[in-house]
């Protein structure tokens, strides 16, 4: 399983927790039984899933601030979940290159959400990185 596949599994886990209102540990257990990721991949998915859920209010506040003209509850659930995941990684996992986090989020958005989701996710994450980095460009980001 690649890191992108791990992120896709993470998206599915977080989506099930939110939409299905299932306990996170139950969803993680079911996902791992179904997909059989390596121990390293399980650790990554579980760590980020728990972190996103713990930081949900802060992540949503960032998204709400950056998604000008959009109310959080109006965002597509897949897009919102992807943004939460990517923001969590950008904030709490600095060892992962910014371009990798953003490009994976964009590609996953294109695969699982609407036609325009890739650009929307890229725009929000790019804005976050530029603000965080004091206006410097976010090199390596996919412009689409």
Foldseek 3Di string as FASTA:
>chain_A
DDVLVLVVLLLVLLLCCVPVVDDSVVSLVVSCVVPVDDPVSSCVSVVLSVQLVVCVVVQLVLLCVLVPPDDSVPDDSSLSSLSSSLVCCVPPVVVDQNLVSLQSSLVVCCVPHDVCSSQVSLRSSQVVVCVVVVNDGRPNHDND
